[in-house]
Amino acid sequence: MKLFRLDDLDAERAAHQGAYLRFLRERHMSAGLYALSPGDTDTQQPHEQDEVYVVVSGRACLTVGDETAVVARGCVVHVPAGVPHRFHHITEELRVLVVFSPPED
């Protein structure tokens, strides 16, 4: 078993001054914590893996392909591999648990 605490992961991510911290990589999946503040620009590109986003805190709009939705704490979103997507109009500090399958490189 591997146990992670979100507060510890967020502190580690912030210490490395990055928006994303990959904290787990296994044979069939990987996981990370993604953080954006109001006014930040989400610069991610489409990924070769399917993704699941679990919004831990915050509020923003998320566009996946040609669909846009407001996401906030408790939302879970599947993003298919290869589909353009981005968070925008971030109104509250956003923390998102990201799961990739297969694992990201």
Protein backbone atom coordinates (compact mmCIF):
# COMPACT_ATOMS: atom_id res chain seq x y z
CA MET A 1 0.00 0.00 0.00
CA LYS A 2 1.07 3.55 -0.67
CA LEU A 3 -0.61 6.30 1.33
CA PHE A 4 -0.54 9.96 0.31
CA ARG A 5 -1.89 13.03 2.10
CA LEU A 6 -3.11 15.82 -0.16
CA ASP A 7 -1.74 18.56 2.08
CA ASP A 8 1.73 16.98 1.94
CA LEU A 9 1.52 16.55 -1.84
CA ASP A 10 0.44 20.15 -2.29
CA ALA A 11 3.32 21.37 -0.11
CA GLU A 12 5.79 19.30 -2.15
CA ARG A 13 4.33 20.63 -5.41
CA ALA A 14 4.60 24.21 -4.18
CA ALA A 15 8.18 23.67 -2.96
CA HIS A 16 9.13 22.70 -6.52
CA GLN A 17 7.35 25.82 -7.81
CA GLY A 18 5.30 23.93 -10.35
CA ALA A 19 1.63 23.52 -11.14
CA TYR A 20 1.89 19.72 -11.39
CA LEU A 21 3.41 17.03 -9.19
CA ARG A 22 3.36 13.41 -10.30
CA PHE A 23 3.44 11.40 -7.11
CA LEU A 24 2.70 7.89 -8.37
CA ARG A 25 3.70 5.88 -11.42
CA GLU A 26 2.75 2.24 -11.73
CA ARG A 27 2.61 -0.21 -14.62
CA HIS A 28 -0.96 0.63 -15.69
CA MET A 29 -1.55 4.12 -14.32
CA SER A 30 -0.02 7.23 -12.83
CA ALA A 31 -1.38 9.99 -10.61
CA GLY A 32 -0.56 13.59 -9.91
CA LEU A 33 -1.78 16.75 -8.27
CA TYR A 34 -2.46 19.78 -10.48
CA ALA A 35 -2.93 23.27 -9.04
CA LEU A 36 -3.94 26.54 -10.65
CA SER A 37 -4.68 29.94 -9.11
CA PRO A 38 -7.10 32.59 -10.34
CA GLY A 39 -5.46 34.32 -13.30
CA ASP A 40 -3.23 31.35 -14.17
CA THR A 41 -3.22 29.96 -17.71
CA ASP A 42 -3.60 26.22 -18.22
CA THR A 43 -1.06 25.41 -20.92
CA GLN A 44 -1.46 21.64 -21.06
CA GLN A 45 -1.69 19.89 -24.41
CA PRO A 46 -3.76 16.79 -25.27
CA HIS A 47 -2.32 13.65 -23.70
CA GLU A 48 -1.84 10.19 -25.20
CA GLN A 49 -3.55 8.68 -22.14
CA ASP A 50 -7.09 8.73 -20.83
CA GLU A 51 -7.40 10.95 -17.76
CA VAL A 52 -9.70 11.21 -14.79
CA TYR A 53 -9.84 14.53 -12.94
CA VAL A 54 -11.13 14.66 -9.36
CA VAL A 55 -11.57 18.25 -8.23
CA VAL A 56 -10.39 18.41 -4.63
CA SER A 57 -10.96 22.14 -4.14
CA GLY A 58 -11.60 25.34 -6.04
CA ARG A 59 -13.78 26.39 -8.94
CA ALA A 60 -13.15 26.89 -12.66
CA CYS A 61 -14.49 26.18 -16.11
CA LEU A 62 -13.18 23.13 -17.92
CA THR A 63 -13.40 22.77 -21.68
CA VAL A 64 -12.96 19.29 -23.13
CA GLY A 65 -13.24 19.20 -26.91
CA ASP A 66 -16.24 21.42 -27.67
CA GLU A 67 -17.94 20.98 -24.27
CA THR A 68 -17.53 23.37 -21.33
CA ALA A 69 -18.67 22.87 -17.75
CA VAL A 70 -18.15 24.57 -14.41
CA VAL A 71 -16.21 22.26 -12.10
CA ALA A 72 -15.80 22.52 -8.34
CA ARG A 73 -15.01 20.34 -5.33
CA GLY A 74 -16.43 16.86 -5.81
CA CYS A 75 -16.60 16.88 -9.61
CA VAL A 76 -15.11 13.90 -11.45
CA VAL A 77 -14.38 14.25 -15.17
CA HIS A 78 -13.12 11.77 -17.77
CA VAL A 79 -10.96 13.27 -20.53
CA PRO A 80 -10.39 10.86 -23.45
CA ALA A 81 -6.88 10.47 -24.84
CA GLY A 82 -6.00 12.96 -27.58
CA VAL A 83 -8.83 15.42 -26.86
CA PRO A 84 -7.83 19.09 -26.30
CA HIS A 85 -8.79 20.32 -22.84
CA ARG A 86 -8.03 23.16 -20.43
CA PHE A 87 -9.13 24.82 -17.23
CA HIS A 88 -10.03 28.51 -17.51
CA HIS A 89 -11.96 31.24 -15.69
CA ILE A 90 -10.49 30.00 -12.42
CA THR A 91 -12.31 31.81 -9.62
CA GLU A 92 -11.00 29.85 -6.60
CA GLU A 93 -7.64 28.13 -6.00
CA LEU A 94 -7.98 24.89 -7.96
CA ARG A 95 -6.54 21.55 -6.78
CA VAL A 96 -7.18 18.56 -9.02
CA LEU A 97 -6.18 14.94 -8.54
CA VAL A 98 -5.22 13.56 -11.98
CA VAL A 99 -5.13 9.86 -12.87
CA PHE A 100 -3.62 8.75 -16.21
CA SER A 101 -4.08 5.32 -17.77
CA PRO A 102 -1.79 4.04 -19.12
CA PRO A 103 0.79 5.98 -17.08
CA GLU A 104 2.13 9.28 -18.37
CA ASP A 105 5.75 9.40 -19.50
